[in-house]
PDB file of N, CA and C in Angstrom:
ATOM      1  N   MET A   1      60.478  92.839 119.804  1.00  0.00           N
ATOM      2  CA  MET A   1      61.513  93.044 118.838  1.00  0.00           C
ATOM      3  C   MET A   1      61.273  92.176 117.601  1.00  0.00           C
ATOM      4  N   GLU A   2      60.763  90.962 117.786  1.00  0.00           N
ATOM      5  CA  GLU A   2      60.485  90.077 116.663  1.00  0.00           C
ATOM      6  C   GLU A   2      59.428  90.686 115.750  1.00  0.00           C
ATOM      7  N   ASN A   3      58.393  91.316 116.317  1.00  0.00           N
ATOM      8  CA  ASN A   3      57.358  91.955 115.517  1.00  0.00           C
ATOM      9  C   ASN A   3      57.944  93.064 114.651  1.00  0.00           C
ATOM     10  N   ASP A   4      58.896  93.803 115.170  1.00  0.00           N
ATOM     11  CA  ASP A   4      59.510  94.894 114.412  1.00  0.00           C
ATOM     12  C   ASP A   4      60.213  94.354 113.177  1.00  0.00           C
ATOM     13  N   ASN A   5      60.871  93.217 113.304  1.00  0.00           N
ATOM     14  CA  ASN A   5      61.553  92.625 112.156  1.00  0.00           C
ATOM     15  C   ASN A   5      60.551  92.214 111.074  1.00  0.00           C
ATOM     16  N   ARG A   6      59.439  91.625 111.496  1.00  0.00           N
ATOM     17  CA  ARG A   6      58.449  91.198 110.511  1.00  0.00           C
ATOM     18  C   ARG A   6      57.865  92.393 109.785  1.00  0.00           C
ATOM     19  N   LEU A   7      57.589  93.463 110.477  1.00  0.00           N
ATOM     20  CA  LEU A   7      57.030  94.651 109.836  1.00  0.00           C
ATOM     21  C   LEU A   7      58.028  95.299 108.900  1.00  0.00           C
ATOM     22  N   SER A   8      59.280  95.304 109.275  1.00  0.00           N
ATOM     23  CA  SER A   8      60.280  95.933 108.425  1.00  0.00           C
ATOM     24  C   SER A   8      60.560  95.106 107.174  1.00  0.00           C
ATOM     25  N   GLU A   9      60.224  93.825 107.196  1.00  0.00           N
ATOM     26  CA  GLU A   9      60.415  92.971 106.034  1.00  0.00           C
ATOM     27  C   GLU A   9      59.245  93.065 105.063  1.00  0.00           C
ATOM     28  N   GLY A  10      58.279  93.896 105.342  1.00  0.00           N
ATOM     29  CA  GLY A  10      57.150  94.073 104.442  1.00  0.00           C
ATOM     30  C   GLY A  10      55.915  93.281 104.811  1.00  0.00           C
ATOM     31  N   ASN A  11      55.941  92.544 105.895  1.00  0.00           N
ATOM     32  CA  ASN A  11      54.766  91.798 106.323  1.00  0.00           C
ATOM     33  C   ASN A  11      53.818  92.732 107.030  1.00  0.00           C
ATOM     34  N   THR A  12      52.553  92.535 106.828  1.00  0.00           N
ATOM     35  CA  THR A  12      51.541  93.353 107.468  1.00  0.00           C
ATOM     36  C   THR A  12      50.507  92.440 108.099  1.00  0.00           C
ATOM     37  N   LEU A  13      50.029  92.809 109.259  1.00  0.00           N
ATOM     38  CA  LEU A  13      49.028  92.040 109.970  1.00  0.00           C
ATOM     39  C   LEU A  13      47.672  92.705 109.763  1.00  0.00           C
ATOM     40  N   PHE A  14      46.705  91.931 109.309  1.00  0.00           N
ATOM     41  CA  PHE A  14      45.349  92.433 109.122  1.00  0.00           C
ATOM     42  C   PHE A  14      44.436  91.729 110.098  1.00  0.00           C
ATOM     43  N   VAL A  15      43.473  92.460 110.630  1.00  0.00           N
ATOM     44  CA  VAL A  15      42.446  91.884 111.475  1.00  0.00           C
ATOM     45  C   VAL A  15      41.162  91.909 110.660  1.00  0.00           C
ATOM     46  N   ILE A  16      40.593  90.715 110.441  1.00  0.00           N
ATOM     47  CA  ILE A  16      39.409  90.606 109.597  1.00  0.00           C
ATOM     48  C   ILE A  16      38.282  89.998 110.416  1.00  0.00           C
ATOM     49  N   ARG A  17      37.129  90.666 110.357  1.00  0.00           N
ATOM     50  CA  ARG A  17      35.963  90.137 111.064  1.00  0.00           C
ATOM     51  C   ARG A  17      35.394  88.951 110.291  1.00  0.00           C
ATOM     52  N   GLU A  18      34.735  88.060 110.994  1.00  0.00           N
ATOM     53  CA  GLU A  18      34.158  86.872 110.377  1.00  0.00           C
ATOM     54  C   GLU A  18      33.178  87.257 109.266  1.00  0.00           C
ATOM     55  N   TYR A  19      32.388  88.290 109.519  1.00  0.00           N
ATOM     56  CA  TYR A  19      31.424  88.761 108.523  1.00  0.00           C
ATOM     57  C   TYR A  19      32.136  89.170 107.230  1.00  0.00           C
ATOM     58  N   ASP A  20      33.234  89.909 107.348  1.00  0.00           N
ATOM     59  CA  ASP A  20      33.981  90.350 106.171  1.00  0.00           C
ATOM     60  C   ASP A  20      34.572  89.159 105.414  1.00  0.00           C
ATOM     61  N   LEU A  21      35.042  88.180 106.146  1.00  0.00           N
ATOM     62  CA  LEU A  21      35.609  86.995 105.526  1.00  0.00           C
ATOM     63  C   LEU A  21      34.533  86.202 104.773  1.00  0.00           C
ATOM     64  N   ASP A  22      33.346  86.080 105.369  1.00  0.00           N
ATOM     65  CA  ASP A  22      32.232  85.401 104.709  1.00  0.00           C
ATOM     66  C   ASP A  22      31.837  86.130 103.422  1.00  0.00           C
ATOM     67  N   GLU A  23      31.791  87.447 103.501  1.00  0.00           N
ATOM     68  CA  GLU A  23      31.434  88.256 102.334  1.00  0.00           C
ATOM     69  C   GLU A  23      32.464  88.073 101.204  1.00  0.00           C
ATOM     70  N   LEU A  24      33.727  88.066 101.566  1.00  0.00           N
ATOM     71  CA  LEU A  24      34.791  87.864 100.585  1.00  0.00           C
ATOM     72  C   LEU A  24      34.675  86.479  99.946  1.00  0.00           C
ATOM     73  N   ALA A  25      34.411  85.470 100.751  1.00  0.00           N
ATOM     74  CA  ALA A  25      34.267  84.106 100.236  1.00  0.00           C
ATOM     75  C   ALA A  25      33.095  84.014  99.261  1.00  0.00           C
ATOM     76  N   GLU A  26      31.980  84.680  99.553  1.00  0.00           N
ATOM     77  CA  GLU A  26      30.815  84.673  98.665  1.00  0.00           C
ATOM     78  C   GLU A  26      31.145  85.347  97.336  1.00  0.00           C
ATOM     79  N   LYS A  27      31.868  86.465  97.385  1.00  0.00           N
ATOM     80  CA  LYS A  27      32.252  87.164  96.160  1.00  0.00           C
ATOM     81  C   LYS A  27      33.163  86.301  95.297  1.00  0.00           C
ATOM     82  N   ILE A  28      34.117  85.642  95.924  1.00  0.00           N
ATOM     83  CA  ILE A  28      35.038  84.778  95.182  1.00  0.00           C
ATOM     84  C   ILE A  28      34.267  83.618  94.544  1.00  0.00           C
ATOM     85  N   ALA A  29      33.372  83.014  95.301  1.00  0.00           N
ATOM     86  CA  ALA A  29      32.582  81.894  94.774  1.00  0.00           C
ATOM     87  C   ALA A  29      31.706  82.354  93.615  1.00  0.00           C
ATOM     88  N   SER A  30      31.109  83.516  93.734  1.00  0.00           N
ATOM     89  CA  SER A  30      30.252  84.056  92.677  1.00  0.00           C
ATOM     90  C   SER A  30      31.044  84.304  91.399  1.00  0.00           C
ATOM     91  N   ARG A  31      32.216  84.897  91.535  1.00  0.00           N
ATOM     92  CA  ARG A  31      33.057  85.144  90.355  1.00  0.00           C
ATOM     93  C   ARG A  31      33.525  83.836  89.737  1.00  0.00           C
ATOM     94  N   PHE A  32      33.848  82.865  90.571  1.00  0.00           N
ATOM     95  CA  PHE A  32      34.289  81.571  90.067  1.00  0.00           C
ATOM     96  C   PHE A  32      33.177  80.906  89.260  1.00  0.00           C
ATOM     97  N   LYS A  33      31.940  80.960  89.785  1.00  0.00           N
ATOM     98  CA  LYS A  33      30.807  80.360  89.079  1.00  0.00           C
ATOM     99  C   LYS A  33      30.588  81.035  87.738  1.00  0.00           C
ATOM    100  N   SER A  34      30.601  82.369  87.709  1.00  0.00           N
ATOM    101  CA  SER A  34      30.358  83.077  86.449  1.00  0.00           C
ATOM    102  C   SER A  34      31.485  82.829  85.457  1.00  0.00           C
ATOM    103  N   ASN A  35      32.724  82.742  85.920  1.00  0.00           N
ATOM    104  CA  ASN A  35      33.844  82.469  85.012  1.00  0.00           C
ATOM    105  C   ASN A  35      33.768  81.066  84.442  1.00  0.00           C
ATOM    106  N   THR A  36      33.386  80.089  85.257  1.00  0.00           N
ATOM    107  CA  THR A  36      33.322  78.725  84.747  1.00  0.00           C
ATOM    108  C   THR A  36      32.162  78.566  83.783  1.00  0.00           C
ATOM    109  N   GLN A  37      31.087  79.304  83.978  1.00  0.00           N
ATOM    110  CA  GLN A  37      29.975  79.242  83.033  1.00  0.00           C
ATOM    111  C   GLN A  37      30.397  79.796  81.682  1.00  0.00           C
ATOM    112  N   GLU A  38      31.187  80.856  81.669  1.00  0.00           N
ATOM    113  CA  GLU A  38      31.662  81.429  80.418  1.00  0.00           C
ATOM    114  C   GLU A  38      32.623  80.486  79.719  1.00  0.00           C
ATOM    115  N   ILE A  39      33.423  79.774  80.493  1.00  0.00           N
ATOM    116  CA  ILE A  39      34.432  78.889  79.924  1.00  0.00           C
ATOM    117  C   ILE A  39      33.794  77.643  79.327  1.00  0.00           C
ATOM    118  N   GLN A  40      32.669  77.218  79.873  1.00  0.00           N
ATOM    119  CA  GLN A  40      32.057  75.979  79.438  1.00  0.00           C
ATOM    120  C   GLN A  40      31.409  76.143  78.068  1.00  0.00           C
ATOM    121  N   ALA A  41      32.203  76.134  77.044  1.00  0.00           N
ATOM    122  CA  ALA A  41      31.723  76.163  75.674  1.00  0.00           C
ATOM    123  C   ALA A  41      31.424  74.727  75.267  1.00  0.00           C
ATOM    124  N   PRO A  42      30.848  74.544  74.138  1.00  0.00           N
ATOM    125  CA  PRO A  42      30.590  73.169  73.705  1.00  0.00           C
ATOM    126  C   PRO A  42      31.865  72.337  73.751  1.00  0.00           C
ATOM    127  N   SER A  43      31.752  71.124  74.301  1.00  0.00           N
ATOM    128  CA  SER A  43      32.934  70.305  74.524  1.00  0.00           C
ATOM    129  C   SER A  43      33.532  69.786  73.220  1.00  0.00           C
ATOM    130  N   ARG A  44      32.696  69.426  72.297  1.00  0.00           N
ATOM    131  CA  ARG A  44      33.248  68.975  71.025  1.00  0.00           C
ATOM    132  C   ARG A  44      33.426  70.177  70.102  1.00  0.00           C
ATOM    133  N   LYS A  45      34.280  70.019  69.154  1.00  0.00           N
ATOM    134  CA  LYS A  45      34.582  71.142  68.270  1.00  0.00           C
ATOM    135  C   LYS A  45      33.449  71.308  67.266  1.00  0.00           C
ATOM    136  N   GLU A  46      32.517  72.163  67.626  1.00  0.00           N
ATOM    137  CA  GLU A  46      31.379  72.429  66.762  1.00  0.00           C
ATOM    138  C   GLU A  46      31.650  73.667  65.924  1.00  0.00           C
ATOM    139  N   LYS A  47      31.166  73.626  64.727  1.00  0.00           N
ATOM    140  CA  LYS A  47      31.251  74.794  63.880  1.00  0.00           C
ATOM    141  C   LYS A  47      30.083  75.721  64.259  1.00  0.00           C
ATOM    142  N   PRO A  48      30.352  76.996  64.472  1.00  0.00           N
ATOM    143  CA  PRO A  48      29.256  77.897  64.825  1.00  0.00           C
ATOM    144  C   PRO A  48      28.277  78.048  63.664  1.00  0.00           C
ATOM    145  N   LEU A  49      27.005  78.165  64.002  1.00  0.00           N
ATOM    146  CA  LEU A  49      25.953  78.354  63.007  1.00  0.00           C
ATOM    147  C   LEU A  49      25.597  79.826  62.909  1.00  0.00           C
ATOM    148  N   THR A  50      25.361  80.297  61.708  1.00  0.00           N
ATOM    149  CA  THR A  50      24.867  81.667  61.536  1.00  0.00           C
ATOM    150  C   THR A  50      23.431  81.715  62.031  1.00  0.00           C
ATOM    151  N   GLN A  51      22.867  82.903  62.131  1.00  0.00           N
ATOM    152  CA  GLN A  51      21.477  83.010  62.572  1.00  0.00           C
ATOM    153  C   GLN A  51      20.552  82.284  61.603  1.00  0.00           C
ATOM    154  N   GLN A  52      20.810  82.423  60.311  1.00  0.00           N
ATOM    155  CA  GLN A  52      19.968  81.758  59.316  1.00  0.00           C
ATOM    156  C   GLN A  52      20.074  80.243  59.431  1.00  0.00           C
ATOM    157  N   GLN A  53      21.283  79.732  59.593  1.00  0.00           N
ATOM    158  CA  GLN A  53      21.478  78.284  59.746  1.00  0.00           C
ATOM    159  C   GLN A  53      20.808  77.777  61.016  1.00  0.00           C
ATOM    160  N   ALA A  54      20.916  78.536  62.102  1.00  0.00           N
ATOM    161  CA  ALA A  54      20.293  78.137  63.368  1.00  0.00           C
ATOM    162  C   ALA A  54      18.768  78.145  63.239  1.00  0.00           C
ATOM    163  N   ALA A  55      18.238  79.137  62.543  1.00  0.00           N
ATOM    164  CA  ALA A  55      16.792  79.214  62.340  1.00  0.00           C
ATOM    165  C   ALA A  55      16.304  77.996  61.542  1.00  0.00           C
ATOM    166  N   GLU A  56      17.039  77.634  60.514  1.00  0.00           N
ATOM    167  CA  GLU A  56      16.679  76.463  59.720  1.00  0.00           C
ATOM    168  C   GLU A  56      16.799  75.191  60.554  1.00  0.00           C
ATOM    169  N   PHE A  57      17.832  75.091  61.367  1.00  0.00           N
ATOM    170  CA  PHE A  57      18.035  73.937  62.239  1.00  0.00           C
ATOM    171  C   PHE A  57      16.847  73.742  63.179  1.00  0.00           C
ATOM    172  N   LEU A  58      16.321  74.850  63.727  1.00  0.00           N
ATOM    173  CA  LEU A  58      15.205  74.781  64.671  1.00  0.00           C
ATOM    174  C   LEU A  58      13.840  74.807  63.991  1.00  0.00           C
ATOM    175  N   GLY A  59      13.823  75.137  62.709  1.00  0.00           N
ATOM    176  CA  GLY A  59      12.540  75.243  62.009  1.00  0.00           C
ATOM    177  C   GLY A  59      11.768  76.474  62.426  1.00  0.00           C
ATOM    178  N   ARG A  60      12.481  77.530  62.743  1.00  0.00           N
ATOM    179  CA  ARG A  60      11.878  78.799  63.169  1.00  0.00           C
ATOM    180  C   ARG A  60      12.421  79.917  62.289  1.00  0.00           C
ATOM    181  N   SER A  61      11.835  81.096  62.422  1.00  0.00           N
ATOM    182  CA  SER A  61      12.325  82.239  61.655  1.00  0.00           C
ATOM    183  C   SER A  61      13.529  82.868  62.351  1.00  0.00           C
ATOM    184  N   ARG A  62      14.279  83.627  61.578  1.00  0.00           N
ATOM    185  CA  ARG A  62      15.441  84.341  62.131  1.00  0.00           C
ATOM    186  C   ARG A  62      14.991  85.317  63.212  1.00  0.00           C
ATOM    187  N   GLN A  63      13.854  85.967  62.990  1.00  0.00           N
ATOM    188  CA  GLN A  63      13.339  86.923  63.980  1.00  0.00           C
ATOM    189  C   GLN A  63      12.970  86.222  65.281  1.00  0.00           C
ATOM    190  N   THR A  64      12.460  85.008  65.206  1.00  0.00           N
ATOM    191  CA  THR A  64      12.142  84.246  66.418  1.00  0.00           C
ATOM    192  C   THR A  64      13.415  83.995  67.215  1.00  0.00           C
ATOM    193  N   LEU A  65      14.497  83.642  66.527  1.00  0.00           N
ATOM    194  CA  LEU A  65      15.782  83.447  67.202  1.00  0.00           C
ATOM    195  C   LEU A  65      16.224  84.722  67.906  1.00  0.00           C
ATOM    196  N   ILE A  66      16.100  85.840  67.224  1.00  0.00           N
ATOM    197  CA  ILE A  66      16.481  87.129  67.808  1.00  0.00           C
ATOM    198  C   ILE A  66      15.652  87.402  69.052  1.00  0.00           C
ATOM    199  N   ASN A  67      14.342  87.162  68.969  1.00  0.00           N
ATOM    200  CA  ASN A  67      13.453  87.386  70.124  1.00  0.00           C
ATOM    201  C   ASN A  67      13.810  86.463  71.282  1.00  0.00           C
ATOM    202  N   TRP A  68      14.088  85.194  70.992  1.00  0.00           N
ATOM    203  CA  TRP A  68      14.450  84.235  72.037  1.00  0.00           C
ATOM    204  C   TRP A  68      15.759  84.630  72.702  1.00  0.00           C
ATOM    205  N   ARG A  69      16.710  85.124  71.908  1.00  0.00           N
ATOM    206  CA  ARG A  69      17.993  85.544  72.483  1.00  0.00           C
ATOM    207  C   ARG A  69      17.790  86.724  73.415  1.00  0.00           C
ATOM    208  N   LYS A  70      16.947  87.678  73.006  1.00  0.00           N
ATOM    209  CA  LYS A  70      16.670  88.851  73.853  1.00  0.00           C
ATOM    210  C   LYS A  70      15.974  88.453  75.147  1.00  0.00           C
ATOM    211  N   LYS A  71      15.132  87.423  75.094  1.00  0.00           N
ATOM    212  CA  LYS A  71      14.416  86.939  76.280  1.00  0.00           C
ATOM    213  C   LYS A  71      15.269  86.009  77.136  1.00  0.00           C
ATOM    214  N   GLY A  72      16.433  85.592  76.616  1.00  0.00           N
ATOM    215  CA  GLY A  72      17.308  84.710  77.372  1.00  0.00           C
ATOM    216  C   GLY A  72      16.987  83.240  77.217  1.00  0.00           C
ATOM    217  N   ILE A  73      16.120  82.895  76.282  1.00  0.00           N
ATOM    218  CA  ILE A  73      15.766  81.499  76.062  1.00  0.00           C
ATOM    219  C   ILE A  73      16.940  80.746  75.448  1.00  0.00           C
ATOM    220  N   ILE A  74      17.616  81.384  74.513  1.00  0.00           N
ATOM    221  CA  ILE A  74      18.819  80.814  73.912  1.00  0.00           C
ATOM    222  C   ILE A  74      19.949  81.827  74.036  1.00  0.00           C
ATOM    223  N   LYS A  75      21.168  81.339  73.905  1.00  0.00           N
ATOM    224  CA  LYS A  75      22.324  82.221  73.972  1.00  0.00           C
ATOM    225  C   LYS A  75      23.009  82.238  72.622  1.00  0.00           C
ATOM    226  N   GLY A  76      23.472  83.389  72.239  1.00  0.00           N
ATOM    227  CA  GLY A  76      24.259  83.525  71.029  1.00  0.00           C
ATOM    228  C   GLY A  76      25.641  84.030  71.393  1.00  0.00           C
ATOM    229  N   LYS A  77      26.587  83.752  70.553  1.00  0.00           N
ATOM    230  CA  LYS A  77      27.956  84.232  70.769  1.00  0.00           C
ATOM    231  C   LYS A  77      28.261  85.281  69.714  1.00  0.00           C
ATOM    232  N   ARG A  78      28.792  86.396  70.153  1.00  0.00           N
ATOM    233  CA  ARG A  78      29.158  87.447  69.211  1.00  0.00           C
ATOM    234  C   ARG A  78      30.590  87.197  68.747  1.00  0.00           C
ATOM    235  N   LEU A  79      30.744  86.994  67.443  1.00  0.00           N
ATOM    236  CA  LEU A  79      32.052  86.776  66.834  1.00  0.00           C
ATOM    237  C   LEU A  79      32.172  87.712  65.642  1.00  0.00           C
ATOM    238  N   GLY A  80      33.104  88.638  65.719  1.00  0.00           N
ATOM    239  CA  GLY A  80      33.318  89.542  64.603  1.00  0.00           C
ATOM    240  C   GLY A  80      32.110  90.387  64.250  1.00  0.00           C
ATOM    241  N   GLY A  81      31.338  90.789  65.237  1.00  0.00           N
ATOM    242  CA  GLY A  81      30.188  91.650  64.998  1.00  0.00           C
ATOM    243  C   GLY A  81      28.925  90.910  64.582  1.00  0.00           C
ATOM    244  N   ARG A  82      28.984  89.598  64.487  1.00  0.00           N
ATOM    245  CA  ARG A  82      27.812  88.796  64.120  1.00  0.00           C
ATOM    246  C   ARG A  82      27.476  87.830  65.242  1.00  0.00           C
ATOM    247  N   ILE A  83      26.240  87.371  65.258  1.00  0.00           N
ATOM    248  CA  ILE A  83      25.788  86.431  66.269  1.00  0.00           C
ATOM    249  C   ILE A  83      25.818  85.027  65.682  1.00  0.00           C
ATOM    250  N   TYR A  84      26.399  84.094  66.439  1.00  0.00           N
ATOM    251  CA  TYR A  84      26.456  82.694  66.036  1.00  0.00           C
ATOM    252  C   TYR A  84      25.899  81.829  67.159  1.00  0.00           C
ATOM    253  N   TYR A  85      25.484  80.634  66.794  1.00  0.00           N
ATOM    254  CA  TYR A  85      24.926  79.685  67.745  1.00  0.00           C
ATOM    255  C   TYR A  85      25.626  78.343  67.564  1.00  0.00           C
ATOM    256  N   PHE A  86      25.559  77.513  68.606  1.00  0.00           N
ATOM    257  CA  PHE A  86      26.090  76.158  68.534  1.00  0.00           C
ATOM    258  C   PHE A  86      24.924  75.188  68.659  1.00  0.00           C
ATOM    259  N   GLU A  87      24.947  74.134  67.854  1.00  0.00           N
ATOM    260  CA  GLU A  87      23.847  73.164  67.855  1.00  0.00           C
ATOM    261  C   GLU A  87      23.552  72.637  69.248  1.00  0.00           C
ATOM    262  N   SER A  88      24.595  72.267  69.989  1.00  0.00           N
ATOM    263  CA  SER A  88      24.382  71.677  71.320  1.00  0.00           C
ATOM    264  C   SER A  88      23.659  72.650  72.248  1.00  0.00           C
ATOM    265  N   GLU A  89      23.966  73.939  72.145  1.00  0.00           N
ATOM    266  CA  GLU A  89      23.292  74.932  72.989  1.00  0.00           C
ATOM    267  C   GLU A  89      21.835  75.104  72.570  1.00  0.00           C
ATOM    268  N   LEU A  90      21.572  75.051  71.268  1.00  0.00           N
ATOM    269  CA  LEU A  90      20.194  75.164  70.785  1.00  0.00           C
ATOM    270  C   LEU A  90      19.371  73.972  71.242  1.00  0.00           C
ATOM    271  N   VAL A  91      19.948  72.779  71.144  1.00  0.00           N
ATOM    272  CA  VAL A  91      19.248  71.569  71.576  1.00  0.00           C
ATOM    273  C   VAL A  91      18.972  71.630  73.071  1.00  0.00           C
ATOM    274  N   ASP A  92      19.967  72.024  73.863  1.00  0.00           N
ATOM    275  CA  ASP A  92      19.791  72.153  75.315  1.00  0.00           C
ATOM    276  C   ASP A  92      18.678  73.131  75.648  1.00  0.00           C
ATOM    277  N   ALA A  93      18.656  74.261  74.956  1.00  0.00           N
ATOM    278  CA  ALA A  93      17.646  75.285  75.221  1.00  0.00           C
ATOM    279  C   ALA A  93      16.254  74.769  74.883  1.00  0.00           C
ATOM    280  N   MET A  94      16.128  74.008  73.821  1.00  0.00           N
ATOM    281  CA  MET A  94      14.824  73.494  73.407  1.00  0.00           C
ATOM    282  C   MET A  94      14.337  72.384  74.330  1.00  0.00           C
ATOM    283  N   GLN A  95      15.260  71.676  74.976  1.00  0.00           N
ATOM    284  CA  GLN A  95      14.870  70.608  75.905  1.00  0.00           C
ATOM    285  C   GLN A  95      14.382  71.162  77.230  1.00  0.00           C
ATOM    286  N   ARG A  96      14.760  72.379  77.547  1.00  0.00           N
ATOM    287  CA  ARG A  96      14.331  72.989  78.817  1.00  0.00           C
ATOM    288  C   ARG A  96      12.934  73.454  78.748  1.00  0.00           C
TER     289      ARG A  96
END
């Protein structure tokens, strides 16, 4: 009779296999990691650099920056249809 009351109150009992629980935990951890990576912007308030400014900062051509971004060597942020870079991210990428 007690079980009937719990079900009528909207509670539902689920049986979950250990494998399913492990899979769910991995998915949650993966999403958490990707979300925190996106959130981790430069800690200090940096002014974004245009592609030309970033190229001058690195002493490279604008096309080199574009090629590096496509290869994943550096990351750019799209703001208002344009690509911008942050000095700290450029320095980090060059140190790797």
